[in-house]
Amino acid sequence: MRNSSYPTDKQRLLGYVGDIRQLAGFQRMELLQGKGKGNEIIQVRNGSGLQFQIAVSRGFDIGICELYGVPLAWMSQNGPVSPYAYEKDDWNRSFEGGLLATCGLTTMGKPSMEEGKAFGPHGRLSSTPAELLQAEGRWNSNGQYELIFRGIVRESTVAGENITLERTIITRFGENQIVMTDIVTNESFQPVEHLMLHHFNLGFPLIGEHCLIDIPNGPKRWINGEGTTDEWSRFPQPKENGQPTVMVHEDVFAEKGDDIRINISNNLVHNGQERKLSFYLTYDKTASPYLMQWKHPGKGVYVLGIEPGNATTEGRAVHRERGTLPMLAPWERKAYTFCMDMQLE
């Protein structure tokens, strides 16, 4: 959504400032203490109210995200965690949260065992450092000032898989929007399993007992849960002994095109005024045909996960048994694009 507080065309805008970084820019930083010591992050501010961090050391994921100082992303009690503290069998010990934690590239979901080999929960991607390819602010051909970041993450083993994810993240001055494109490539000479989950994590004050979860209706079933699924669009107050649930939305928008659009919103008081905070997520259903919804209402956790994937989180072995395990042919590429819009009205 365009912010009209300032002129956005280059010539007029630069008449007001000596350096565009007065309004929008980024800084590369390194964390200096705790479990996250040594992690590289990029702090981004787009000059229109949106600020967020890119976790270069953790899969080029998106961490803290705020709009006009109001947080949208959920952050876990682990705090920043170095990829070198990754525990294969207990993914939650290094799960930072953040607006996006990517799961994959060859496994995700529940742990699996195949041919005597153990595959831990959610894969290695979010605990694998990225190589930074690009970090710059520039004026694009449409006369907009944009901040663009590219990184590449590789999952490989000798004589086995060699698969890369190249991620591009763009935000523009005047628009409280993040556009992210992932290109996954099998750079080996044999087919490789490819499981991919984009784990968006939303927290208070966007999430609360009066928030609205807008996912167009369709068939639903529990992966982790029981009873009726009627309460899927609501979120309870924090519960003393709240337990996590995972629901899969199946065949959503089956007759409404390939783009899926989800809206999470809540009313709040900002600087003494009642406002509506909204997060919109738009993505291509053909690349991510499954949609998982994770809720944890427990006190001290309190998170909503919106999780598009190319498979469900039931695990690699389950999908192989069903014949639904995604594969990439040698040198095959697959693209995933997500558009995140934030509004405070």
Protein backbone atom coordinates (compact mmCIF):
# COMPACT_ATOMS: atom_id res chain seq x y z
CA MET A 1 0.00 0.00 0.00
CA ARG A 2 1.48 3.34 -1.03
CA ASN A 3 2.38 5.83 1.68
CA SER A 4 1.64 9.37 0.44
CA SER A 5 3.51 11.27 3.19
CA TYR A 6 6.41 12.15 0.86
CA PRO A 7 6.93 12.65 -2.86
CA THR A 8 8.24 9.38 -4.26
CA ASP A 9 9.67 10.39 -7.64
CA LYS A 10 13.44 10.73 -7.59
CA GLN A 11 13.98 14.36 -8.64
CA ARG A 12 11.41 15.85 -6.25
CA LEU A 13 12.36 13.59 -3.35
CA LEU A 14 16.08 14.32 -3.55
CA GLY A 15 15.30 18.02 -3.35
CA TYR A 16 14.40 17.44 0.31
CA VAL A 17 17.39 15.34 1.46
CA GLY A 18 21.14 15.18 1.02
CA ASP A 19 21.19 11.38 1.17
CA ILE A 20 18.31 8.98 0.52
CA ARG A 21 19.51 6.97 3.53
CA GLN A 22 17.95 9.68 5.68
CA LEU A 23 14.62 8.16 4.67
CA ALA A 24 15.27 4.54 3.68
CA GLY A 25 18.20 2.17 3.76
CA PHE A 26 19.83 -0.83 5.41
CA GLN A 27 22.72 -1.77 7.64
CA ARG A 28 24.66 -5.01 7.83
CA MET A 29 25.26 -6.08 11.43
CA GLU A 30 26.83 -8.89 13.45
CA LEU A 31 25.44 -10.06 16.78
CA LEU A 32 28.01 -9.93 19.57
CA GLN A 33 26.73 -12.08 22.43
CA GLY A 34 24.64 -15.01 23.57
CA LYS A 35 23.60 -18.03 21.55
CA GLY A 36 23.35 -15.87 18.42
CA LYS A 37 26.91 -14.51 18.63
CA GLY A 38 28.40 -14.11 15.17
CA ASN A 39 25.09 -14.15 13.30
CA GLU A 40 24.95 -11.69 10.42
CA ILE A 41 21.73 -9.76 9.92
CA ILE A 42 20.60 -6.96 7.63
CA GLN A 43 18.43 -4.29 9.25
CA VAL A 44 16.08 -2.83 6.60
CA ARG A 45 13.90 0.29 6.84
CA ASN A 46 11.91 1.25 3.77
CA GLY A 47 11.06 4.83 4.79
CA SER A 48 7.32 4.16 4.79
CA GLY A 49 6.92 2.67 8.25
CA LEU A 50 8.18 -0.85 7.55
CA GLN A 51 11.29 -2.24 9.26
CA PHE A 52 12.52 -5.83 9.21
CA GLN A 53 15.62 -7.98 9.58
CA ILE A 54 17.07 -10.46 7.11
CA ALA A 55 18.86 -13.32 8.87
CA VAL A 56 21.81 -13.91 6.51
CA SER A 57 23.26 -16.58 8.83
CA ARG A 58 19.94 -18.41 8.99
CA GLY A 59 18.82 -19.27 5.50
CA PHE A 60 18.20 -15.65 4.47
CA ASP A 61 14.96 -15.79 6.45
CA ILE A 62 13.03 -12.76 7.73
CA GLY A 63 13.19 -12.16 11.48
CA ILE A 64 11.81 -9.18 13.40
CA CYS A 65 9.22 -7.22 11.37
CA GLU A 66 7.47 -4.02 12.50
CA LEU A 67 5.07 -1.52 10.93
CA TYR A 68 5.22 1.97 12.49
CA GLY A 69 6.86 0.32 15.49
CA VAL A 70 4.10 -2.29 15.91
CA PRO A 71 5.38 -5.88 15.73
CA LEU A 72 3.82 -8.38 13.34
CA ALA A 73 6.26 -11.28 13.62
CA TRP A 74 6.33 -13.76 16.49
CA MET A 75 9.70 -14.29 18.17
CA SER A 76 10.42 -17.42 20.20
CA GLN A 77 11.84 -17.57 23.70
CA ASN A 78 15.09 -18.98 22.23
CA GLY A 79 16.18 -15.54 21.04
CA PRO A 80 18.84 -15.36 18.33
CA VAL A 81 20.52 -18.74 17.78
CA SER A 82 23.69 -19.40 15.79
CA PRO A 83 23.39 -22.08 13.09
CA TYR A 84 26.22 -23.86 14.90
CA ALA A 85 23.82 -24.50 17.81
CA TYR A 86 21.42 -26.39 15.50
CA GLU A 87 20.11 -29.67 16.94
CA LYS A 88 18.96 -32.02 14.20
CA ASP A 89 16.62 -34.02 16.42
CA ASP A 90 15.09 -31.06 18.30
CA TRP A 91 14.39 -28.28 15.79
CA ASN A 92 12.52 -26.24 18.40
CA ARG A 93 15.71 -25.61 20.40
CA SER A 94 17.07 -23.41 17.61
CA PHE A 95 13.76 -22.09 16.22
CA GLU A 96 13.98 -18.29 16.45
CA GLY A 97 10.53 -17.63 15.02
CA GLY A 98 10.57 -14.46 12.95
CA LEU A 99 8.21 -13.48 10.18
CA LEU A 100 9.54 -16.34 8.05
CA ALA A 101 11.39 -19.54 8.92
CA THR A 102 11.93 -21.67 5.81
CA CYS A 103 11.82 -25.46 6.11
CA GLY A 104 13.44 -27.81 3.60
CA LEU A 105 15.09 -28.34 1.17
CA THR A 106 14.98 -32.16 1.02
CA THR A 107 12.76 -32.80 4.04
CA MET A 108 10.35 -30.93 6.30
CA GLY A 109 7.48 -31.65 8.63
CA LYS A 110 7.54 -34.54 11.09
CA PRO A 111 10.69 -36.65 11.51
CA SER A 112 11.02 -39.57 9.10
CA MET A 113 13.06 -42.73 8.79
CA GLU A 114 13.90 -44.06 5.33
CA GLU A 115 16.25 -46.98 4.55
CA GLY A 116 17.85 -46.65 7.97
CA LYS A 117 18.47 -42.90 7.58
CA ALA A 118 16.86 -40.45 10.00
CA PHE A 119 15.45 -37.15 8.76
CA GLY A 120 14.88 -34.62 11.52
CA PRO A 121 11.94 -32.20 11.75
CA HIS A 122 11.76 -29.39 9.19
CA GLY A 123 15.18 -29.91 7.62
CA ARG A 124 18.41 -27.91 7.77
CA LEU A 125 17.59 -24.81 5.73
CA SER A 126 16.75 -22.29 8.44
CA SER A 127 19.96 -23.17 10.29
CA THR A 128 22.21 -22.96 7.24
CA PRO A 129 24.17 -19.73 6.58
CA ALA A 130 23.54 -18.00 3.26
CA GLU A 131 26.07 -16.41 0.94
CA LEU A 132 25.16 -12.76 0.37
CA LEU A 133 24.98 -11.99 -3.35
CA GLN A 134 23.44 -8.52 -3.35
CA ALA A 135 22.45 -5.81 -0.88
CA GLU A 136 21.72 -2.40 -2.37
CA GLY A 137 19.35 0.53 -2.64
CA ARG A 138 18.64 1.71 -6.18
CA TRP A 139 16.17 3.59 -8.35
CA ASN A 140 14.33 1.16 -10.62
CA SER A 141 13.09 1.76 -14.16
CA ASN A 142 9.72 2.95 -12.82
CA GLY A 143 11.37 5.72 -10.82
CA GLN A 144 10.84 3.97 -7.45
CA TYR A 145 13.54 3.66 -4.83
CA GLU A 146 13.86 0.00 -3.91
CA LEU A 147 15.95 -2.03 -1.51
CA ILE A 148 16.97 -5.37 -2.97
CA PHE A 149 18.72 -8.29 -1.29
CA ARG A 150 19.79 -11.66 -2.71
CA GLY A 151 21.31 -14.65 -0.98
CA ILE A 152 21.99 -18.27 -1.82
CA VAL A 153 21.80 -21.30 0.48
CA ARG A 154 23.14 -24.73 -0.46
CA GLU A 155 22.21 -28.15 0.92
CA SER A 156 24.71 -30.72 -0.25
CA THR A 157 26.62 -33.87 0.60
CA VAL A 158 29.39 -35.70 -1.22
CA ALA A 159 27.92 -38.09 -3.81
CA GLY A 160 24.40 -37.07 -2.78
CA GLU A 161 22.07 -34.11 -3.07
CA ASN A 162 23.32 -30.72 -4.23
CA ILE A 163 20.38 -28.35 -4.13
CA THR A 164 20.37 -24.56 -3.86
CA LEU A 165 17.89 -21.88 -2.90
CA GLU A 166 18.48 -18.40 -4.31
CA ARG A 167 16.26 -15.87 -2.53
CA THR A 168 15.49 -12.31 -3.60
CA ILE A 169 13.80 -9.91 -1.17
CA ILE A 170 12.57 -6.50 -2.37
CA THR A 171 10.86 -3.62 -0.58
CA ARG A 172 10.18 -0.16 -2.00
CA PHE A 173 9.96 3.33 -0.61
CA GLY A 174 6.29 4.33 -0.46
CA GLU A 175 4.98 0.76 -0.20
CA ASN A 176 4.69 -1.28 3.00
CA GLN A 177 5.26 -4.48 1.12
CA ILE A 178 7.87 -7.23 0.89
CA VAL A 179 8.14 -9.30 -2.29
CA MET A 180 10.17 -12.48 -2.00
CA THR A 181 11.11 -14.90 -4.78
CA ASP A 182 12.82 -18.24 -4.19
CA ILE A 183 14.46 -20.23 -6.98
CA VAL A 184 15.30 -23.80 -5.97
CA THR A 185 17.65 -25.70 -8.29
CA ASN A 186 18.80 -29.31 -8.28
CA GLU A 187 22.45 -28.86 -9.26
CA SER A 188 23.21 -32.58 -9.31
CA PHE A 189 22.97 -35.23 -12.00
CA GLN A 190 20.36 -37.38 -10.28
CA PRO A 191 16.79 -36.73 -9.11
CA VAL A 192 16.47 -35.38 -5.58
CA GLU A 193 13.63 -35.22 -3.05
CA HIS A 194 12.44 -31.66 -2.57
CA LEU A 195 10.17 -30.72 0.32
CA MET A 196 9.57 -27.02 0.96
CA LEU A 197 7.57 -25.16 3.61
CA HIS A 198 7.38 -21.38 4.08
CA HIS A 199 6.66 -21.04 7.81
CA PHE A 200 5.18 -17.55 8.44
CA ASN A 201 4.94 -16.79 12.16
CA LEU A 202 2.57 -14.09 13.45
CA GLY A 203 2.26 -12.90 17.03
CA PHE A 204 0.74 -10.37 19.42
CA PRO A 205 -0.66 -7.73 18.93
CA LEU A 206 -1.64 -8.90 15.44
CA ILE A 207 -2.76 -12.16 17.04
CA GLY A 208 -5.31 -11.99 19.85
CA GLU A 209 -8.72 -13.27 20.91
CA HIS A 210 -10.45 -10.80 18.56
CA CYS A 211 -8.20 -11.20 15.50
CA LEU A 212 -9.66 -12.28 12.17
CA ILE A 213 -8.12 -15.12 10.19
CA ASP A 214 -9.36 -14.92 6.61
CA ILE A 215 -8.59 -18.01 4.53
CA PRO A 216 -11.25 -18.77 1.90
CA ASN A 217 -13.17 -21.84 2.95
CA GLY A 218 -12.41 -25.35 1.80
CA PRO A 219 -11.98 -28.90 3.14
CA LYS A 220 -9.92 -29.17 6.32
CA ARG A 221 -8.46 -31.94 8.42
CA TRP A 222 -6.27 -32.26 11.48
CA ILE A 223 -2.62 -33.23 11.30
CA ASN A 224 -2.29 -32.59 15.02
CA GLY A 225 -5.62 -32.06 16.76
CA GLU A 226 -9.02 -33.60 17.27
CA GLY A 227 -12.71 -32.81 17.26
CA THR A 228 -14.46 -30.21 15.14
CA THR A 229 -12.54 -27.87 12.86
CA ASP A 230 -15.13 -25.09 13.19
CA GLU A 231 -12.89 -22.79 15.27
CA TRP A 232 -10.17 -22.51 12.62
CA SER A 233 -10.77 -18.77 11.99
CA ARG A 234 -10.59 -17.75 15.67
CA PHE A 235 -7.80 -17.52 18.21
CA PRO A 236 -8.33 -17.93 21.98
CA GLN A 237 -6.89 -15.97 24.87
CA PRO A 238 -3.54 -17.24 26.18
CA LYS A 239 -4.10 -20.53 28.00
CA GLU A 240 -2.19 -21.90 30.98
CA ASN A 241 -1.90 -25.35 29.40
CA GLY A 242 -2.56 -24.47 25.78
CA GLN A 243 -1.43 -27.12 23.30
CA PRO A 244 -0.36 -26.75 19.67
CA THR A 245 -2.58 -27.86 16.81
CA VAL A 246 -1.89 -28.20 13.09
CA MET A 247 -4.65 -28.17 10.48
CA VAL A 248 -4.28 -28.61 6.75
CA HIS A 249 -6.51 -26.66 4.36
CA GLU A 250 -7.01 -28.81 1.29
CA ASP A 251 -8.17 -27.78 -2.17
CA VAL A 252 -8.52 -24.14 -1.13
CA PHE A 253 -9.46 -21.91 -4.11
CA ALA A 254 -9.77 -24.96 -6.34
CA GLU A 255 -11.93 -22.99 -8.78
CA LYS A 256 -10.65 -19.46 -8.15
CA GLY A 257 -7.34 -19.27 -10.00
CA ASP A 258 -3.82 -19.93 -8.85
CA ASP A 259 -3.23 -17.03 -6.45
CA ILE A 260 -4.00 -17.56 -2.78
CA ARG A 261 -4.61 -14.46 -0.64
CA ILE A 262 -4.75 -14.66 3.14
CA ASN A 263 -5.56 -11.82 5.53
CA ILE A 264 -4.85 -11.69 9.26
CA SER A 265 -6.08 -8.55 11.06
CA ASN A 266 -6.74 -7.21 14.52
CA ASN A 267 -7.88 -3.95 16.11
CA LEU A 268 -5.51 -2.22 18.53
CA VAL A 269 -4.73 1.12 20.13
CA HIS A 270 -1.74 2.87 18.54
CA ASN A 271 -0.57 6.22 19.94
CA GLY A 272 -3.90 6.66 21.67
CA GLN A 273 -6.01 5.94 18.58
CA GLU A 274 -7.96 2.83 17.62
CA ARG A 275 -6.39 1.34 14.49
CA LYS A 276 -6.64 -1.83 12.42
CA LEU A 277 -3.43 -3.80 11.82
CA SER A 278 -3.49 -6.15 8.81
CA PHE A 279 -1.10 -8.65 7.26
CA TYR A 280 -1.83 -9.93 3.74
CA LEU A 281 -0.04 -12.88 2.20
CA THR A 282 -0.41 -13.64 -1.51
CA TYR A 283 1.27 -16.57 -3.25
CA ASP A 284 0.98 -19.04 -6.12
CA LYS A 285 -1.02 -22.15 -5.30
CA THR A 286 0.60 -24.19 -8.07
CA ALA A 287 4.00 -24.01 -6.33
CA SER A 288 2.61 -24.49 -2.80
CA PRO A 289 -0.64 -26.48 -3.09
CA TYR A 290 -0.91 -27.32 0.63
CA LEU A 291 -1.66 -24.84 3.41
CA MET A 292 -1.03 -25.70 7.05
CA GLN A 293 -2.32 -23.61 9.95
CA TRP A 294 -0.39 -23.92 13.23
CA LYS A 295 -1.85 -22.52 16.45
CA HIS A 296 -0.21 -22.47 19.85
CA PRO A 297 -2.31 -20.53 22.39
CA GLY A 298 -0.13 -21.46 25.38
CA LYS A 299 0.95 -18.67 27.71
CA GLY A 300 4.45 -17.51 26.86
CA VAL A 301 4.17 -18.93 23.33
CA TYR A 302 1.00 -17.59 21.66
CA VAL A 303 1.66 -17.87 17.95
CA LEU A 304 -0.18 -18.39 14.68
CA GLY A 305 1.69 -20.10 11.87
CA ILE A 306 0.56 -19.80 8.24
CA GLU A 307 2.51 -22.46 6.34
CA PRO A 308 2.23 -22.91 2.56
CA GLY A 309 4.08 -26.00 1.34
CA ASN A 310 4.59 -28.29 -1.62
CA ALA A 311 3.59 -31.16 0.71
CA THR A 312 1.92 -31.45 4.11
CA THR A 313 3.93 -31.53 7.33
CA GLU A 314 3.10 -35.23 7.86
CA GLY A 315 6.65 -36.14 6.92
CA ARG A 316 8.79 -37.32 4.05
CA ALA A 317 8.12 -41.04 4.63
CA VAL A 318 4.33 -40.51 4.60
CA HIS A 319 4.46 -38.74 1.24
CA ARG A 320 6.74 -41.38 -0.27
CA GLU A 321 4.30 -44.10 0.81
CA ARG A 322 1.39 -42.15 -0.72
CA GLY A 323 3.28 -41.47 -3.95
CA THR A 324 3.09 -37.70 -3.39
CA LEU A 325 6.74 -36.98 -2.53
CA PRO A 326 7.91 -33.98 -4.63
CA MET A 327 11.07 -34.56 -6.68
CA LEU A 328 13.36 -32.36 -8.74
CA ALA A 329 14.94 -33.78 -11.90
CA PRO A 330 18.63 -33.07 -12.56
CA TRP A 331 19.08 -29.29 -13.04
CA GLU A 332 15.35 -28.69 -12.67
CA ARG A 333 14.35 -25.35 -11.12
CA LYS A 334 11.26 -24.42 -9.16
CA ALA A 335 10.10 -20.90 -8.27
CA TYR A 336 8.13 -19.69 -5.23
CA THR A 337 6.92 -16.10 -4.96
CA PHE A 338 5.30 -14.47 -1.92
CA CYS A 339 3.96 -10.96 -1.50
CA MET A 340 3.54 -9.65 2.06
CA ASP A 341 1.50 -6.46 2.51
CA MET A 342 1.18 -4.71 5.87
CA GLN A 343 -1.32 -1.98 6.77
CA LEU A 344 -2.15 0.09 9.85
CA GLU A 345 -5.37 1.98 9.21
